[in-house]
Every structure is written in C-alpha cells, then in structure tokens.
Amino acid sequence: MQKVLTVAGSDCSGGAGIQADLKTITAHGHYGMSVITALTAQNTLGVSGIYEVSPQFVEEQLNRICEDIYPDAVKIGMLYNAEIMKCLCRKIKEYRLRNIVLDPVMVSTSGKSLLKEEAAAILIDELLPLSHVFTPNLYEASAVSGISIRSKSDMLAAVQKIGSRYDGYILMKGGHLQECCDDLLYKDGEVYWLRQERIDNPNTHGTGCTLSSAIACNLAKGKETRDSITAAKEYVTGAIRANLKLGRGNGPLNHVWNLPLY
C-alpha cells in the first residue's frame, strides 16, 4: 500500500485541510498520514479562528512519521507562519522527501488570511524550489508572480514569470476566471491548457486541498506527472458533480463519490 503524507491545517467541519486530504487519500486506496500545522474553527460559512501549532511540535510529528512509515508522496497545504515553513524545508532535505505537491494556501474562500505576510517570501524562495508540483489558484499565482490575473493571457504571463525561477510543474487553476475555468499546466517553457467544463454547483469548499492531495496520490502510484494531474482533475470533477449539499454556505465536495458505499 502506498503511503501519502499531508502537512496542513485542520478543518473541523471536514471539508478542507487535513480532513479533506485524508478522505481523498483513502478514496485512492492509499494509507494516509498527517502533520497538523494549525487548528481552524470553521464551517461552510467561513473561518472564525486559527490556533497555531508550535514549530517544535510540527517537527516532532514529521520526525515520528519519517523515521517509521516513510511517505511515497507529500502534499503540503496550510503552513501559516515562517517558522513552520523553515522547519518543513529542513525536514524535506533531511529525509529527502519526494513527490512533493505544494498547494500554497494563503486565503480561505471566505476571505480569511491563512498565511502570515512574512511567510510568503519563505514559501517562494525556500519551499517552492523543493516541490515537484505547484498548484496555485489565481489569487495565489498573483501573489507569487506580482501580476494581476483576470484572463488567460494574464495566466500565461504569470506562469512564465514563476517558471523563470522554478523548474517544477506549475498547475495554475483557472476556476475563478470569468471567461472559462480552464487550468494551465507549465513546465520548462511548455504550455498545456487543460480544458474544464464549469459545473453548476456552488459547493466547492476544499477543492484546492482535494486536487493537490489527489495529485500526490497518483504520483505515489508511480504515474507520470501529467497523467497524475489529469487523473486528479477527473477525481475532483466527479466529487463536485456528485452534488453533495451540506451546510448553509459554501459546502464541501463528496470525497468518496467513487467508492461503492451507497
């Protein structure tokens, strides 16, 4: 059984973060492990509070996992502060972790900041070069590139700027575009537009967490990167199309839509 580690924050309502990641890993038939970086108080209506885990305890979690059940892939989500980010960079190098998918969680769907300002530079300069796949949404890609993104041409300009100092795969998610919801995959100057039908379902809480975890799961299986991304997008599309309706706000996906449970 492949082992997949998620390093992220906890979502007590189960739609995003660690909880969404572990559901996704289970739905792919893998063994899921987690390092929790922060506790959040949230539901489908938004985030009301964040409780930070100390960098020392994050390090202890990482040590216990990597010394015993070495992961085949790692998904990185909410890290919140610079100290946790620096700790993670050290441990990636120490344990030579591989198949790293970085989802740069900066702000919640409801607008709550999930990354302290001083941590952004560490993410760009130190953590990003250690990752294999980078999966920013348009807001995050704008923050990293310094380019305001409103169109597909803006996406292309931003991905080229990020790609000029990063040699991994960049999957820029276009779900917030007005004209379409196509994603852009970029590597070494090569551009691939991944066409996507917009699904009429407002319940998309945790989509970014779920997609990055699914990519990590497919990399753990030994799939090539582009195939891993394609398969992950198909899984997320199915989870949205399942049309789960929970809560009074932006509801979660059905992470187990592909399992014969019902």
Protein backbone atom coordinates (compact mmCIF):
# COMPACT_ATOMS: atom_id res chain seq x y z
CA MET A 1 0.00 0.00 0.00
CA GLN A 2 1.34 3.44 -0.94
CA LYS A 3 1.74 5.94 1.89
CA VAL A 4 0.82 9.60 1.44
CA LEU A 5 1.58 12.35 3.96
CA THR A 6 -0.37 15.57 4.22
CA VAL A 7 1.13 18.58 6.01
CA ALA A 8 -1.66 21.07 6.51
CA GLY A 9 -4.18 22.71 8.82
CA SER A 10 -7.22 21.06 10.34
CA ASP A 11 -10.75 21.95 9.19
CA CYS A 12 -13.12 20.93 11.97
CA SER A 13 -16.06 20.91 9.53
CA GLY A 14 -14.32 18.27 7.39
CA GLY A 15 -14.48 19.98 4.00
CA ALA A 16 -10.89 21.12 3.55
CA GLY A 17 -7.43 20.75 5.04
CA ILE A 18 -6.26 17.59 6.77
CA GLN A 19 -9.73 16.07 6.81
CA ALA A 20 -10.31 16.51 3.08
CA ASP A 21 -6.80 15.24 2.36
CA LEU A 22 -7.23 12.04 4.36
CA LYS A 23 -10.60 11.33 2.73
CA THR A 24 -9.02 11.82 -0.69
CA ILE A 25 -6.08 9.56 0.15
CA THR A 26 -8.48 6.86 1.38
CA ALA A 27 -10.62 7.17 -1.76
CA HIS A 28 -7.46 6.45 -3.80
CA GLY A 29 -6.74 3.30 -1.80
CA HIS A 30 -3.64 4.65 -0.05
CA TYR A 31 -2.54 4.89 3.58
CA GLY A 32 -2.88 8.47 4.82
CA MET A 33 -0.73 10.21 7.43
CA SER A 34 -0.91 13.80 8.66
CA VAL A 35 1.20 16.53 10.22
CA ILE A 36 -1.11 19.22 11.58
CA THR A 37 0.24 22.78 11.40
CA ALA A 38 -2.78 24.69 12.74
CA LEU A 39 -6.27 24.16 14.08
CA THR A 40 -9.04 26.19 12.49
CA ALA A 41 -12.55 26.86 13.72
CA GLN A 42 -14.63 26.96 10.56
CA ASN A 43 -17.67 25.70 8.72
CA THR A 44 -19.27 26.29 5.33
CA LEU A 45 -19.87 29.94 6.27
CA GLY A 46 -16.23 30.81 6.95
CA VAL A 47 -13.23 30.71 9.28
CA SER A 48 -13.69 32.23 12.74
CA GLY A 49 -10.42 31.31 14.43
CA ILE A 50 -6.92 29.85 13.98
CA TYR A 51 -4.81 28.19 16.68
CA GLU A 52 -1.16 27.73 15.72
CA VAL A 53 0.77 24.54 16.38
CA SER A 54 4.35 25.25 17.54
CA PRO A 55 7.14 24.66 15.01
CA GLN A 56 8.75 22.31 17.53
CA PHE A 57 5.69 20.08 17.62
CA VAL A 58 5.39 20.17 13.83
CA GLU A 59 9.00 18.96 13.71
CA GLU A 60 8.27 16.19 16.20
CA GLN A 61 5.33 14.97 14.11
CA LEU A 62 7.50 14.94 10.98
CA ASN A 63 10.28 13.05 12.72
CA ARG A 64 7.98 10.34 14.07
CA ILE A 65 6.40 9.74 10.66
CA CYS A 66 9.56 9.79 8.53
CA GLU A 67 11.53 7.59 10.93
CA ASP A 68 8.88 4.87 10.85
CA ILE A 69 6.46 4.98 7.88
CA TYR A 70 8.31 6.77 5.09
CA PRO A 71 5.86 8.52 2.70
CA ASP A 72 5.78 7.83 -1.05
CA ALA A 73 4.38 11.32 -1.68
CA VAL A 74 3.75 14.50 0.31
CA LYS A 75 1.01 17.07 -0.05
CA ILE A 76 1.71 20.45 1.58
CA GLY A 77 -1.15 22.81 2.36
CA MET A 78 -1.68 25.43 5.08
CA LEU A 79 1.58 26.23 6.92
CA TYR A 80 0.52 29.63 8.34
CA ASN A 81 3.86 31.04 9.55
CA ALA A 82 7.51 31.35 8.55
CA GLU A 83 8.86 29.24 11.42
CA ILE A 84 6.79 26.19 10.43
CA MET A 85 7.79 26.72 6.80
CA LYS A 86 11.51 26.81 7.65
CA CYS A 87 11.13 23.68 9.78
CA LEU A 88 9.45 21.84 6.91
CA CYS A 89 12.19 22.87 4.46
CA ARG A 90 14.83 21.42 6.79
CA LYS A 91 12.97 18.14 7.15
CA ILE A 92 12.35 17.77 3.41
CA LYS A 93 16.10 17.97 2.88
CA GLU A 94 17.00 15.81 5.89
CA TYR A 95 14.67 12.95 4.94
CA ARG A 96 14.94 13.50 1.18
CA LEU A 97 11.18 13.56 0.80
CA ARG A 98 9.93 13.15 -2.77
CA ASN A 99 6.83 13.62 -4.93
CA ILE A 100 6.03 16.86 -3.12
CA VAL A 101 2.86 18.72 -4.17
CA LEU A 102 2.71 22.29 -2.84
CA ASP A 103 -0.70 23.93 -2.54
CA PRO A 104 0.14 27.48 -1.35
CA VAL A 105 -2.81 28.05 0.98
CA MET A 106 -2.90 31.82 1.51
CA VAL A 107 -6.54 32.78 1.98
CA SER A 108 -9.80 30.92 2.62
CA THR A 109 -12.76 31.02 0.24
CA SER A 110 -14.48 33.36 2.71
CA GLY A 111 -11.51 35.77 2.66
CA LYS A 112 -9.73 34.83 5.91
CA SER A 113 -5.92 35.08 5.70
CA LEU A 114 -4.32 31.65 6.19
CA LEU A 115 -0.69 32.67 5.68
CA LYS A 116 1.15 35.33 7.66
CA GLU A 117 2.68 38.03 5.47
CA GLU A 118 6.30 37.34 6.47
CA ALA A 119 5.92 33.68 5.45
CA ALA A 120 5.24 34.44 1.77
CA ALA A 121 8.91 35.13 0.98
CA ILE A 122 9.98 31.86 2.63
CA LEU A 123 7.41 29.98 0.57
CA ILE A 124 8.65 31.48 -2.69
CA ASP A 125 12.40 31.42 -2.03
CA GLU A 126 12.88 28.25 0.03
CA LEU A 127 9.89 25.90 -0.07
CA LEU A 128 8.80 26.25 -3.70
CA PRO A 129 12.16 25.03 -5.14
CA LEU A 130 11.82 21.83 -3.07
CA SER A 131 8.45 20.90 -4.56
CA HIS A 132 7.70 18.82 -7.64
CA VAL A 133 4.25 20.26 -8.45
CA PHE A 134 2.99 23.75 -7.51
CA THR A 135 -0.80 24.27 -7.59
CA PRO A 136 -1.72 27.95 -7.05
CA ASN A 137 -5.16 29.39 -7.70
CA LEU A 138 -5.38 32.78 -9.41
CA TYR A 139 -5.10 34.77 -6.17
CA GLU A 140 -2.05 32.80 -5.06
CA ALA A 141 -0.44 32.97 -8.50
CA SER A 142 -0.90 36.75 -8.46
CA ALA A 143 0.74 36.98 -5.03
CA VAL A 144 3.72 34.86 -6.12
CA SER A 145 4.21 36.45 -9.56
CA GLY A 146 3.22 40.04 -8.81
CA ILE A 147 0.91 40.01 -11.85
CA SER A 148 -2.81 40.76 -11.56
CA ILE A 149 -4.64 37.87 -13.23
CA ARG A 150 -8.01 38.41 -14.88
CA SER A 151 -7.69 36.48 -18.13
CA LYS A 152 -5.98 33.52 -19.77
CA SER A 153 -3.31 35.82 -21.18
CA ASP A 154 -2.61 37.06 -17.65
CA MET A 155 -2.33 33.44 -16.51
CA LEU A 156 0.25 32.79 -19.20
CA ALA A 157 2.31 35.83 -18.23
CA ALA A 158 2.20 34.88 -14.56
CA VAL A 159 3.13 31.23 -15.10
CA GLN A 160 6.08 32.23 -17.28
CA LYS A 161 7.34 34.59 -14.59
CA ILE A 162 7.04 31.93 -11.88
CA GLY A 163 8.58 29.37 -14.21
CA SER A 164 11.62 31.58 -14.79
CA ARG A 165 12.76 30.80 -11.23
CA TYR A 166 11.17 27.39 -10.62
CA ASP A 167 11.83 24.24 -12.64
CA GLY A 168 9.00 22.05 -11.38
CA TYR A 169 5.48 21.66 -12.75
CA ILE A 170 3.09 24.58 -12.27
CA LEU A 171 -0.64 23.88 -12.35
CA MET A 172 -2.39 27.25 -12.27
CA LYS A 173 -6.08 26.75 -11.50
CA GLY A 174 -8.47 28.89 -13.52
CA GLY A 175 -11.67 28.26 -11.61
CA HIS A 176 -12.07 31.95 -10.71
CA LEU A 177 -11.86 33.19 -14.31
CA GLN A 178 -14.97 34.85 -15.72
CA GLU A 179 -14.46 33.71 -19.32
CA CYS A 180 -13.91 30.00 -18.54
CA CYS A 181 -12.46 27.72 -15.86
CA ASP A 182 -9.52 26.19 -17.76
CA ASP A 183 -6.35 25.27 -15.87
CA LEU A 184 -2.84 25.96 -17.15
CA LEU A 185 -0.02 23.43 -16.81
CA TYR A 186 3.51 24.72 -17.38
CA LYS A 187 6.94 23.06 -17.35
CA ASP A 188 10.23 24.19 -18.90
CA GLY A 189 8.58 26.61 -21.31
CA GLU A 190 5.92 24.14 -22.46
CA VAL A 191 2.29 25.23 -22.03
CA TYR A 192 -0.71 22.90 -21.77
CA TRP A 193 -4.23 24.21 -21.41
CA LEU A 194 -6.44 21.76 -19.54
CA ARG A 195 -9.99 22.44 -20.67
CA GLN A 196 -12.64 22.18 -17.98
CA GLU A 197 -16.41 22.36 -18.11
CA ARG A 198 -17.87 24.64 -15.43
CA ILE A 199 -20.16 22.54 -13.24
CA ASP A 200 -23.28 24.22 -11.87
CA ASN A 201 -22.60 23.54 -8.20
CA PRO A 202 -21.68 26.27 -5.66
CA ASN A 203 -20.47 23.68 -3.14
CA THR A 204 -16.74 23.65 -3.83
CA HIS A 205 -15.24 24.09 -0.36
CA GLY A 206 -11.88 22.32 -0.22
CA THR A 207 -11.40 21.89 -3.97
CA GLY A 208 -7.75 23.01 -3.92
CA CYS A 209 -6.88 20.73 -0.98
CA THR A 210 -8.58 17.81 -2.66
CA LEU A 211 -6.90 18.35 -6.04
CA SER A 212 -3.39 18.61 -4.61
CA SER A 213 -3.92 15.51 -2.45
CA ALA A 214 -5.22 13.56 -5.46
CA ILE A 215 -2.14 14.55 -7.48
CA ALA A 216 0.09 13.31 -4.65
CA CYS A 217 -1.85 10.04 -4.55
CA ASN A 218 -1.30 9.44 -8.25
CA LEU A 219 2.40 10.29 -8.00
CA ALA A 220 2.67 7.77 -5.15
CA LYS A 221 1.28 5.13 -7.52
CA GLY A 222 4.17 5.81 -9.88
CA LYS A 223 2.18 7.67 -12.55
CA GLU A 224 3.88 10.29 -14.69
CA THR A 225 3.24 13.85 -13.55
CA ARG A 226 0.92 14.90 -16.39
CA ASP A 227 -1.09 11.68 -16.03
CA SER A 228 -1.25 12.25 -12.26
CA ILE A 229 -2.68 15.72 -12.77
CA THR A 230 -5.21 14.56 -15.39
CA ALA A 231 -6.43 11.73 -13.16
CA ALA A 232 -6.66 14.07 -10.17
CA LYS A 233 -8.75 16.56 -12.12
CA GLU A 234 -11.13 13.77 -13.13
CA TYR A 235 -11.49 12.72 -9.49
CA VAL A 236 -12.24 16.29 -8.35
CA THR A 237 -14.74 16.78 -11.19
CA GLY A 238 -16.58 13.68 -10.03
CA ALA A 239 -16.54 14.90 -6.42
CA ILE A 240 -18.10 18.23 -7.47
CA ARG A 241 -20.57 16.65 -9.88
CA ALA A 242 -21.81 14.34 -7.07
CA ASN A 243 -23.67 17.46 -5.89
CA LEU A 244 -23.34 16.99 -2.14
CA LYS A 245 -25.32 19.61 -0.21
CA LEU A 246 -24.22 20.16 3.38
CA GLY A 247 -24.26 23.32 5.47
CA ARG A 248 -25.68 26.78 4.91
CA GLY A 249 -22.74 28.22 2.96
CA ASN A 250 -20.09 27.05 0.50
CA GLY A 251 -20.44 23.32 1.09
CA PRO A 252 -17.86 20.53 0.72
CA LEU A 253 -17.23 18.01 -2.04
CA ASN A 254 -18.20 14.35 -1.87
CA HIS A 255 -14.72 12.86 -1.48
CA VAL A 256 -15.95 9.27 -1.57
CA TRP A 257 -18.13 9.56 -4.67
CA ASN A 258 -16.02 6.88 -6.40
CA LEU A 259 -16.41 4.26 -3.64
CA PRO A 260 -19.24 1.65 -3.68
CA LEU A 261 -20.71 2.78 -0.38
CA TYR A 262 -24.31 3.56 -1.25
